Amino acid sequence: MANPALITVTCPCCQAELHIDPATSAVIRHKAHEKPATFADMESAVSRFKTEAGRREDAFKKSVEDHKVHHDVLSKKFDEMLKLAKENPDEPPPKRDIDFD
């Protein structure tokens, strides 16, 4: 049975359980966090490796597609800002970060 005078704290970093005596501010007992086994057997590890490879390939393909349309997106933004600037030629340009100093 745990001593009621001890304070039990869980470490946010390593998830260890610390039992601290408030009178002396000392750690009286320490119980390390038990990590569960990551893989039950070799077959599950191989299947996880294969699915992660597919996920990485999908992420790479998405990145390539995003990169292909990035130029078009920037062109559309520029065209829109140019159109706004032509509609209101008397309006001063927007402030930049460097202009606030």
N, C-alpha and C. Protein backbone atom coordinates (compact mmCIF):
# COMPACT_ATOMS: atom_id res chain seq x y z
N MET A 1 0.84 -1.18 0.00
CA MET A 1 0.00 0.00 0.00
C MET A 1 0.88 1.24 0.00
N ALA A 2 0.50 2.23 -0.77
CA ALA A 2 1.28 3.45 -0.89
C ALA A 2 1.17 4.28 0.38
N ASN A 3 2.24 4.97 0.70
CA ASN A 3 2.28 5.84 1.86
C ASN A 3 1.43 7.08 1.54
N PRO A 4 0.41 7.40 2.37
CA PRO A 4 -0.45 8.54 2.06
C PRO A 4 0.26 9.88 2.14
N ALA A 5 1.43 9.92 2.79
CA ALA A 5 2.16 11.18 2.92
C ALA A 5 2.97 11.49 1.67
N LEU A 6 3.15 10.52 0.78
CA LEU A 6 3.93 10.74 -0.43
C LEU A 6 3.04 11.29 -1.55
N ILE A 7 3.64 12.12 -2.37
CA ILE A 7 2.94 12.69 -3.53
C ILE A 7 3.39 11.90 -4.75
N THR A 8 2.43 11.41 -5.52
CA THR A 8 2.74 10.67 -6.73
C THR A 8 2.63 11.59 -7.93
N VAL A 9 3.71 11.64 -8.73
CA VAL A 9 3.77 12.52 -9.90
C VAL A 9 4.22 11.69 -11.09
N THR A 10 3.62 11.96 -12.24
CA THR A 10 4.06 11.31 -13.48
C THR A 10 4.92 12.30 -14.26
N CYS A 11 6.10 11.86 -14.63
CA CYS A 11 7.04 12.71 -15.36
C CYS A 11 6.49 12.96 -16.77
N PRO A 12 6.37 14.23 -17.18
CA PRO A 12 5.84 14.51 -18.52
C PRO A 12 6.81 14.12 -19.64
N CYS A 13 8.06 13.96 -19.32
CA CYS A 13 9.06 13.65 -20.34
C CYS A 13 9.15 12.15 -20.61
N CYS A 14 9.35 11.37 -19.56
CA CYS A 14 9.58 9.93 -19.75
C CYS A 14 8.43 9.06 -19.23
N GLN A 15 7.38 9.68 -18.69
CA GLN A 15 6.20 8.98 -18.18
C GLN A 15 6.52 8.07 -16.99
N ALA A 16 7.63 8.33 -16.30
CA ALA A 16 7.97 7.56 -15.11
C ALA A 16 7.10 8.02 -13.94
N GLU A 17 6.88 7.15 -13.00
CA GLU A 17 6.07 7.47 -11.81
C GLU A 17 7.03 7.78 -10.66
N LEU A 18 6.91 9.00 -10.12
CA LEU A 18 7.77 9.43 -9.03
C LEU A 18 6.95 9.58 -7.77
N HIS A 19 7.47 9.09 -6.65
CA HIS A 19 6.83 9.25 -5.35
C HIS A 19 7.74 10.19 -4.54
N ILE A 20 7.19 11.36 -4.20
CA ILE A 20 7.98 12.43 -3.58
C ILE A 20 7.50 12.68 -2.16
N ASP A 21 8.45 12.81 -1.25
CA ASP A 21 8.15 13.16 0.14
C ASP A 21 8.08 14.68 0.23
N PRO A 22 6.91 15.24 0.58
CA PRO A 22 6.80 16.71 0.61
C PRO A 22 7.64 17.37 1.70
N ALA A 23 7.94 16.65 2.76
CA ALA A 23 8.71 17.25 3.85
C ALA A 23 10.16 17.48 3.44
N THR A 24 10.74 16.54 2.73
CA THR A 24 12.15 16.65 2.35
C THR A 24 12.35 17.02 0.89
N SER A 25 11.29 17.04 0.10
CA SER A 25 11.33 17.32 -1.34
C SER A 25 12.26 16.36 -2.07
N ALA A 26 12.27 15.12 -1.61
CA ALA A 26 13.14 14.11 -2.20
C ALA A 26 12.30 13.03 -2.86
N VAL A 27 12.84 12.45 -3.91
CA VAL A 27 12.18 11.34 -4.58
C VAL A 27 12.46 10.09 -3.76
N ILE A 28 11.40 9.50 -3.23
CA ILE A 28 11.54 8.32 -2.38
C ILE A 28 11.53 7.05 -3.22
N ARG A 29 10.68 7.02 -4.23
CA ARG A 29 10.57 5.83 -5.07
C ARG A 29 10.38 6.26 -6.51
N HIS A 30 10.93 5.47 -7.42
CA HIS A 30 10.85 5.76 -8.85
C HIS A 30 10.46 4.48 -9.56
N LYS A 31 9.45 4.58 -10.43
CA LYS A 31 9.05 3.43 -11.22
C LYS A 31 9.10 3.84 -12.69
N ALA A 32 9.98 3.21 -13.46
CA ALA A 32 10.14 3.56 -14.87
C ALA A 32 8.91 3.14 -15.66
N HIS A 33 8.63 3.90 -16.69
CA HIS A 33 7.50 3.62 -17.56
C HIS A 33 7.81 2.39 -18.41
N GLU A 34 6.89 1.45 -18.46
CA GLU A 34 7.10 0.24 -19.26
C GLU A 34 6.51 0.47 -20.63
N LYS A 35 7.37 0.45 -21.64
CA LYS A 35 6.92 0.66 -23.00
C LYS A 35 6.40 -0.66 -23.56
N PRO A 36 5.27 -0.61 -24.26
CA PRO A 36 4.77 -1.85 -24.87
C PRO A 36 5.65 -2.25 -26.05
N ALA A 37 5.65 -3.51 -26.36
CA ALA A 37 6.43 -4.01 -27.49
C ALA A 37 5.90 -3.38 -28.77
N THR A 38 6.80 -2.96 -29.62
CA THR A 38 6.37 -2.28 -30.84
C THR A 38 5.83 -3.25 -31.87
N PHE A 39 6.38 -4.43 -31.96
CA PHE A 39 5.91 -5.43 -32.92
C PHE A 39 5.79 -6.77 -32.22
N ALA A 40 4.65 -7.44 -32.48
CA ALA A 40 4.44 -8.75 -31.87
C ALA A 40 5.29 -9.81 -32.57
N ASP A 41 5.41 -9.70 -33.88
CA ASP A 41 6.21 -10.66 -34.62
C ASP A 41 6.80 -10.00 -35.87
N MET A 42 7.62 -10.74 -36.56
CA MET A 42 8.31 -10.21 -37.72
C MET A 42 7.35 -9.91 -38.87
N GLU A 43 6.28 -10.68 -39.03
CA GLU A 43 5.34 -10.45 -40.13
C GLU A 43 4.64 -9.09 -39.99
N SER A 44 4.27 -8.73 -38.78
CA SER A 44 3.62 -7.44 -38.59
C SER A 44 4.59 -6.29 -38.85
N ALA A 45 5.87 -6.50 -38.51
CA ALA A 45 6.87 -5.47 -38.78
C ALA A 45 7.06 -5.27 -40.28
N VAL A 46 7.10 -6.35 -41.03
CA VAL A 46 7.26 -6.25 -42.48
C VAL A 46 6.05 -5.59 -43.12
N SER A 47 4.85 -5.95 -42.68
CA SER A 47 3.65 -5.34 -43.26
C SER A 47 3.58 -3.85 -42.94
N ARG A 48 3.99 -3.47 -41.75
CA ARG A 48 4.00 -2.05 -41.39
C ARG A 48 5.03 -1.29 -42.23
N PHE A 49 6.17 -1.92 -42.47
CA PHE A 49 7.20 -1.29 -43.29
C PHE A 49 6.69 -1.06 -44.71
N LYS A 50 5.97 -2.03 -45.27
CA LYS A 50 5.45 -1.90 -46.63
C LYS A 50 4.38 -0.80 -46.71
N THR A 51 3.51 -0.70 -45.71
CA THR A 51 2.48 0.34 -45.74
C THR A 51 3.09 1.72 -45.57
N GLU A 52 4.15 1.83 -44.78
CA GLU A 52 4.82 3.13 -44.62
C GLU A 52 5.50 3.55 -45.91
N ALA A 53 6.04 2.60 -46.66
CA ALA A 53 6.66 2.93 -47.94
C ALA A 53 5.61 3.48 -48.90
N GLY A 54 4.43 2.89 -48.91
CA GLY A 54 3.34 3.38 -49.75
C GLY A 54 2.90 4.77 -49.33
N ARG A 55 2.84 5.01 -48.04
CA ARG A 55 2.44 6.32 -47.53
C ARG A 55 3.47 7.39 -47.92
N ARG A 56 4.75 7.04 -47.82
CA ARG A 56 5.79 7.99 -48.23
C ARG A 56 5.71 8.29 -49.73
N GLU A 57 5.44 7.27 -50.52
CA GLU A 57 5.32 7.46 -51.97
C GLU A 57 4.13 8.36 -52.29
N ASP A 58 3.01 8.17 -51.59
CA ASP A 58 1.82 9.01 -51.80
C ASP A 58 2.12 10.47 -51.41
N ALA A 59 2.82 10.66 -50.32
CA ALA A 59 3.16 12.02 -49.88
C ALA A 59 4.08 12.69 -50.89
N PHE A 60 5.01 11.93 -51.46
CA PHE A 60 5.92 12.48 -52.46
C PHE A 60 5.15 12.87 -53.72
N LYS A 61 4.25 12.03 -54.17
CA LYS A 61 3.45 12.34 -55.37
C LYS A 61 2.60 13.58 -55.15
N LYS A 62 2.02 13.71 -53.96
CA LYS A 62 1.21 14.89 -53.65
C LYS A 62 2.08 16.15 -53.66
N SER A 63 3.29 16.05 -53.13
CA SER A 63 4.21 17.18 -53.11
C SER A 63 4.59 17.59 -54.54
N VAL A 64 4.82 16.62 -55.41
CA VAL A 64 5.16 16.92 -56.80
C VAL A 64 3.98 17.61 -57.49
N GLU A 65 2.76 17.12 -57.27
CA GLU A 65 1.58 17.74 -57.87
C GLU A 65 1.39 19.17 -57.36
N ASP A 66 1.59 19.38 -56.07
CA ASP A 66 1.47 20.72 -55.50
C ASP A 66 2.51 21.66 -56.10
N HIS A 67 3.70 21.13 -56.32
CA HIS A 67 4.77 21.96 -56.88
C HIS A 67 4.46 22.35 -58.33
N LYS A 68 3.81 21.45 -59.07
CA LYS A 68 3.46 21.74 -60.46
C LYS A 68 2.46 22.88 -60.57
N VAL A 69 1.50 22.98 -59.66
CA VAL A 69 0.47 24.02 -59.74
C VAL A 69 0.85 25.26 -58.95
N HIS A 70 1.97 25.23 -58.24
CA HIS A 70 2.39 26.37 -57.42
C HIS A 70 2.61 27.62 -58.28
N HIS A 71 3.22 27.44 -59.43
CA HIS A 71 3.46 28.58 -60.33
C HIS A 71 2.14 29.19 -60.78
N ASP A 72 1.16 28.36 -61.10
CA ASP A 72 -0.15 28.86 -61.53
C ASP A 72 -0.84 29.64 -60.42
N VAL A 73 -0.74 29.14 -59.21
CA VAL A 73 -1.36 29.82 -58.07
C VAL A 73 -0.73 31.19 -57.85
N LEU A 74 0.60 31.25 -57.91
CA LEU A 74 1.28 32.53 -57.74
C LEU A 74 0.92 33.50 -58.87
N SER A 75 0.79 32.99 -60.07
CA SER A 75 0.41 33.85 -61.20
C SER A 75 -0.98 34.42 -61.01
N LYS A 76 -1.90 33.60 -60.55
CA LYS A 76 -3.27 34.08 -60.31
C LYS A 76 -3.31 35.12 -59.20
N LYS A 77 -2.54 34.91 -58.15
CA LYS A 77 -2.48 35.89 -57.07
C LYS A 77 -1.91 37.22 -57.57
N PHE A 78 -0.85 37.12 -58.36
CA PHE A 78 -0.24 38.33 -58.90
C PHE A 78 -1.22 39.07 -59.81
N ASP A 79 -1.90 38.33 -60.69
CA ASP A 79 -2.86 38.95 -61.61
C ASP A 79 -3.97 39.65 -60.83
N GLU A 80 -4.45 39.03 -59.77
CA GLU A 80 -5.51 39.62 -58.96
C GLU A 80 -5.04 40.90 -58.28
N MET A 81 -3.84 40.87 -57.72
CA MET A 81 -3.30 42.07 -57.07
C MET A 81 -3.03 43.18 -58.08
N LEU A 82 -2.58 42.82 -59.29
CA LEU A 82 -2.35 43.81 -60.33
C LEU A 82 -3.67 44.45 -60.78
N LYS A 83 -4.70 43.63 -60.88
CA LYS A 83 -6.02 44.14 -61.25
C LYS A 83 -6.53 45.12 -60.20
N LEU A 84 -6.36 44.78 -58.90
CA LEU A 84 -6.77 45.69 -57.83
C LEU A 84 -5.97 46.99 -57.88
N ALA A 85 -4.69 46.90 -58.19
CA ALA A 85 -3.85 48.09 -58.25
C ALA A 85 -4.26 48.98 -59.42
N LYS A 86 -4.67 48.40 -60.54
CA LYS A 86 -5.11 49.19 -61.70
C LYS A 86 -6.47 49.84 -61.46
N GLU A 87 -7.33 49.15 -60.69
CA GLU A 87 -8.65 49.71 -60.38
C GLU A 87 -8.55 50.91 -59.45
N ASN A 88 -7.61 50.90 -58.54
CA ASN A 88 -7.42 51.98 -57.57
C ASN A 88 -5.99 52.52 -57.66
N PRO A 89 -5.68 53.29 -58.71
CA PRO A 89 -4.29 53.75 -58.87
C PRO A 89 -3.85 54.77 -57.82
N ASP A 90 -4.80 55.45 -57.17
CA ASP A 90 -4.43 56.46 -56.18
C ASP A 90 -4.15 55.86 -54.80
N GLU A 91 -4.50 54.64 -54.60
CA GLU A 91 -4.31 53.99 -53.29
C GLU A 91 -2.82 53.67 -53.12
N PRO A 92 -2.25 53.98 -51.94
CA PRO A 92 -0.83 53.69 -51.72
C PRO A 92 -0.61 52.17 -51.65
N PRO A 93 0.59 51.73 -51.94
CA PRO A 93 0.86 50.28 -51.87
C PRO A 93 0.76 49.81 -50.42
N PRO A 94 0.48 48.53 -50.20
CA PRO A 94 0.39 48.02 -48.83
C PRO A 94 1.74 48.10 -48.12
N LYS A 95 1.68 48.26 -46.82
CA LYS A 95 2.90 48.34 -46.02
C LYS A 95 3.57 46.98 -45.94
N ARG A 96 4.89 47.00 -46.01
CA ARG A 96 5.68 45.79 -45.85
C ARG A 96 6.19 45.75 -44.41
N ASP A 97 6.70 44.62 -44.02
CA ASP A 97 7.23 44.47 -42.66
C ASP A 97 8.35 45.47 -42.39
N ILE A 98 9.17 45.71 -43.39
CA ILE A 98 10.32 46.60 -43.21
C ILE A 98 9.88 48.06 -43.07
N ASP A 99 8.69 48.40 -43.58
CA ASP A 99 8.20 49.77 -43.51
C ASP A 99 7.76 50.19 -42.11
N PHE A 100 7.52 49.25 -41.21
CA PHE A 100 7.02 49.58 -39.88
C PHE A 100 8.12 50.01 -38.92
N ASP A 101 9.37 49.87 -39.29
CA ASP A 101 10.48 50.25 -38.39
C ASP A 101 10.65 51.73 -38.28
